[in-house]
C-alpha atoms as a PDB file:
ATOM      1  CA  UNK A   1      28.653   3.983  -5.188  1.00  0.00           C
ATOM      2  CA  UNK A   2      25.768   3.893  -7.681  1.00  0.00           C
ATOM      3  CA  UNK A   3      24.504   0.639  -6.174  1.00  0.00           C
ATOM      4  CA  UNK A   4      24.419   2.201  -2.695  1.00  0.00           C
ATOM      5  CA  UNK A   5      22.341   5.122  -3.995  1.00  0.00           C
ATOM      6  CA  UNK A   6      19.985   2.703  -5.751  1.00  0.00           C
ATOM      7  CA  UNK A   7      19.585   0.705  -2.554  1.00  0.00           C
ATOM      8  CA  UNK A   8      18.731   3.872  -0.617  1.00  0.00           C
ATOM      9  CA  UNK A   9      16.268   4.864  -3.327  1.00  0.00           C
ATOM     10  CA  UNK A  10      14.655   1.418  -3.294  1.00  0.00           C
ATOM     11  CA  UNK A  11      14.343   1.566   0.469  1.00  0.00           C
ATOM     12  CA  UNK A  12      12.809   5.031   0.304  1.00  0.00           C
ATOM     13  CA  UNK A  13      10.276   3.906  -2.301  1.00  0.00           C
ATOM     14  CA  UNK A  14       9.381   0.853  -0.195  1.00  0.00           C
ATOM     15  CA  UNK A  15       8.840   3.047   2.846  1.00  0.00           C
ATOM     16  CA  UNK A  16       6.725   5.424   0.780  1.00  0.00           C
ATOM     17  CA  UNK A  17       4.569   2.525  -0.421  1.00  0.00           C
ATOM     18  CA  UNK A  18       4.115   1.299   3.148  1.00  0.00           C
ATOM     19  CA  UNK A  19       3.057   4.808   4.194  1.00  0.00           C
ATOM     20  CA  UNK A  20       0.597   4.979   1.283  1.00  0.00           C
ATOM     21  CA  UNK A  21      -0.946   1.648   2.313  1.00  0.00           C
ATOM     22  CA  UNK A  22      -1.344   2.950   5.863  1.00  0.00           C
ATOM     23  CA  UNK A  23      -2.979   6.159   4.622  1.00  0.00           C
ATOM     24  CA  UNK A  24      -5.324   4.191   2.368  1.00  0.00           C
ATOM     25  CA  UNK A  25      -6.337   2.027   5.327  1.00  0.00           C
ATOM     26  CA  UNK A  26      -6.977   5.097   7.473  1.00  0.00           C
ATOM     27  CA  UNK A  27      -8.973   6.688   4.651  1.00  0.00           C
ATOM     28  CA  UNK A  28     -11.129   3.567   4.342  1.00  0.00           C
ATOM     29  CA  UNK A  29     -11.692   3.480   8.100  1.00  0.00           C
ATOM     30  CA  UNK A  30     -12.633   7.173   8.167  1.00  0.00           C
ATOM     31  CA  UNK A  31     -14.904   6.781   5.143  1.00  0.00           C
ATOM     32  CA  UNK A  32     -16.737   3.879   6.757  1.00  0.00           C
ATOM     33  CA  UNK A  33     -17.228   5.899   9.943  1.00  0.00           C
ATOM     34  CA  UNK A  34     -18.382   8.988   8.032  1.00  0.00           C
ATOM     35  CA  UNK A  35     -20.951   7.181   5.879  1.00  0.00           C
ATOM     36  CA  UNK A  36     -23.006   5.204   8.356  1.00  0.00           C
ATOM     37  CA  UNK A  37     -26.167   5.408   6.243  1.00  0.00           C
ATOM     38  CA  UNK A  38     -26.656   3.132   3.271  1.00  0.00           C
ATOM     39  CA  UNK A  39     -26.830   5.520   0.341  1.00  0.00           C
ATOM     40  CA  UNK A  40     -25.459   5.266  -3.196  1.00  0.00           C
ATOM     41  CA  UNK A  41     -22.889   7.951  -2.392  1.00  0.00           C
ATOM     42  CA  UNK A  42     -21.728   6.053   0.696  1.00  0.00           C
ATOM     43  CA  UNK A  43     -21.420   2.779  -1.223  1.00  0.00           C
ATOM     44  CA  UNK A  44     -19.428   4.495  -3.978  1.00  0.00           C
ATOM     45  CA  UNK A  45     -17.053   6.166  -1.514  1.00  0.00           C
ATOM     46  CA  UNK A  46     -16.473   2.968   0.449  1.00  0.00           C
ATOM     47  CA  UNK A  47     -15.984   0.913  -2.717  1.00  0.00           C
ATOM     48  CA  UNK A  48     -13.443   3.402  -4.053  1.00  0.00           C
ATOM     49  CA  UNK A  49     -11.535   3.393  -0.753  1.00  0.00           C
ATOM     50  CA  UNK A  50     -11.538  -0.427  -0.659  1.00  0.00           C
ATOM     51  CA  UNK A  51     -10.281  -0.641  -4.231  1.00  0.00           C
ATOM     52  CA  UNK A  52      -7.442   1.781  -3.520  1.00  0.00           C
ATOM     53  CA  UNK A  53      -6.390  -0.128  -0.410  1.00  0.00           C
ATOM     54  CA  UNK A  54      -6.577  -3.426  -2.297  1.00  0.00           C
ATOM     55  CA  UNK A  55      -4.440  -2.105  -5.158  1.00  0.00           C
ATOM     56  CA  UNK A  56      -1.790  -0.746  -2.794  1.00  0.00           C
ATOM     57  CA  UNK A  57      -1.765  -3.980  -0.764  1.00  0.00           C
ATOM     58  CA  UNK A  58      -1.146  -5.961  -3.959  1.00  0.00           C
ATOM     59  CA  UNK A  59       1.677  -3.636  -4.937  1.00  0.00           C
ATOM     60  CA  UNK A  60       3.206  -4.070  -1.495  1.00  0.00           C
ATOM     61  CA  UNK A  61       2.905  -7.862  -1.717  1.00  0.00           C
ATOM     62  CA  UNK A  62       4.572  -7.908  -5.134  1.00  0.00           C
ATOM     63  CA  UNK A  63       7.355  -5.706  -3.834  1.00  0.00           C
ATOM     64  CA  UNK A  64       7.874  -8.011  -0.847  1.00  0.00           C
ATOM     65  CA  UNK A  65       8.110 -11.020  -3.169  1.00  0.00           C
ATOM     66  CA  UNK A  66      10.576  -9.186  -5.400  1.00  0.00           C
ATOM     67  CA  UNK A  67      12.799  -8.239  -2.461  1.00  0.00           C
ATOM     68  CA  UNK A  68      12.644 -11.773  -1.065  1.00  0.00           C
ATOM     69  CA  UNK A  69      13.655 -13.219  -4.437  1.00  0.00           C
ATOM     70  CA  UNK A  70      16.673 -10.880  -4.633  1.00  0.00           C
ATOM     71  CA  UNK A  71      18.073 -11.888  -1.245  1.00  0.00           C
ATOM     72  CA  UNK A  72      20.642 -14.649  -1.251  1.00  0.00           C
ATOM     73  CA  UNK A  73      19.744 -17.838   0.574  1.00  0.00           C
ATOM     74  CA  UNK A  74      21.620 -18.469   3.826  1.00  0.00           C
ATOM     75  CA  UNK A  75      24.231 -21.207   3.680  1.00  0.00           C
END
Protein backbone atom coordinates (compact mmCIF):
# COMPACT_ATOMS: atom_id res chain seq x y z
CA UNK A 1 0.00 0.00 0.00
CA UNK A 2 2.85 2.39 0.82
CA UNK A 3 4.41 1.78 -2.60
CA UNK A 4 1.14 2.70 -4.33
CA UNK A 5 0.97 5.98 -2.41
CA UNK A 6 4.60 6.71 -3.29
CA UNK A 7 3.90 6.03 -6.95
CA UNK A 8 0.94 8.43 -6.88
CA UNK A 9 3.09 11.03 -5.14
CA UNK A 10 5.88 10.60 -7.69
CA UNK A 11 3.40 10.98 -10.52
CA UNK A 12 1.93 14.09 -8.94
CA UNK A 13 5.37 15.64 -8.51
CA UNK A 14 6.25 14.83 -12.13
CA UNK A 15 3.05 16.46 -13.33
CA UNK A 16 3.76 19.49 -11.16
CA UNK A 17 7.24 19.80 -12.66
CA UNK A 18 5.82 19.57 -16.18
CA UNK A 19 3.32 22.32 -15.32
CA UNK A 20 6.12 24.48 -13.90
CA UNK A 21 8.15 24.06 -17.10
CA UNK A 22 5.12 25.11 -19.14
CA UNK A 23 4.56 28.17 -16.94
CA UNK A 24 8.23 29.12 -17.19
CA UNK A 25 8.03 28.88 -20.98
CA UNK A 26 4.91 31.05 -21.05
CA UNK A 27 6.57 33.56 -18.72
CA UNK A 28 9.60 33.76 -21.01
CA UNK A 29 7.38 34.22 -24.06
CA UNK A 30 5.36 36.96 -22.33
CA UNK A 31 8.52 38.67 -21.08
CA UNK A 32 10.01 38.72 -24.56
CA UNK A 33 6.80 40.22 -25.96
CA UNK A 34 6.57 42.81 -23.16
CA UNK A 35 10.16 44.03 -23.47
CA UNK A 36 10.57 44.77 -27.15
CA UNK A 37 13.10 47.56 -26.55
CA UNK A 38 16.71 46.76 -25.80
CA UNK A 39 17.22 48.13 -22.31
CA UNK A 40 19.20 46.81 -19.35
CA UNK A 41 15.95 46.03 -17.53
CA UNK A 42 14.64 44.07 -20.52
CA UNK A 43 17.87 42.08 -20.85
CA UNK A 44 17.83 41.26 -17.13
CA UNK A 45 14.19 40.13 -17.20
CA UNK A 46 14.68 37.97 -20.29
CA UNK A 47 17.90 36.46 -18.93
CA UNK A 48 16.21 35.58 -15.64
CA UNK A 49 13.27 33.98 -17.45
CA UNK A 50 15.62 31.98 -19.70
CA UNK A 51 17.64 30.77 -16.73
CA UNK A 52 14.52 29.63 -14.90
CA UNK A 53 13.24 27.75 -17.95
CA UNK A 54 16.66 26.17 -18.49
CA UNK A 55 16.88 25.02 -14.87
CA UNK A 56 13.40 23.49 -14.94
CA UNK A 57 14.09 21.80 -18.30
CA UNK A 58 17.23 20.21 -16.83
CA UNK A 59 15.29 19.01 -13.80
CA UNK A 60 12.67 17.51 -16.09
CA UNK A 61 15.34 15.78 -18.20
CA UNK A 62 16.99 14.31 -15.10
CA UNK A 63 13.63 13.10 -13.86
CA UNK A 64 12.90 11.47 -17.22
CA UNK A 65 16.25 9.68 -17.13
CA UNK A 66 15.61 8.52 -13.57
CA UNK A 67 12.17 7.14 -14.46
CA UNK A 68 13.54 5.44 -17.57
CA UNK A 69 16.30 3.79 -15.53
CA UNK A 70 13.76 2.44 -13.01
CA UNK A 71 11.59 0.75 -15.63
CA UNK A 72 12.33 -2.89 -16.32
CA UNK A 73 13.49 -3.77 -19.81
CA UNK A 74 10.98 -5.68 -21.95
CA UNK A 75 11.78 -9.34 -22.51
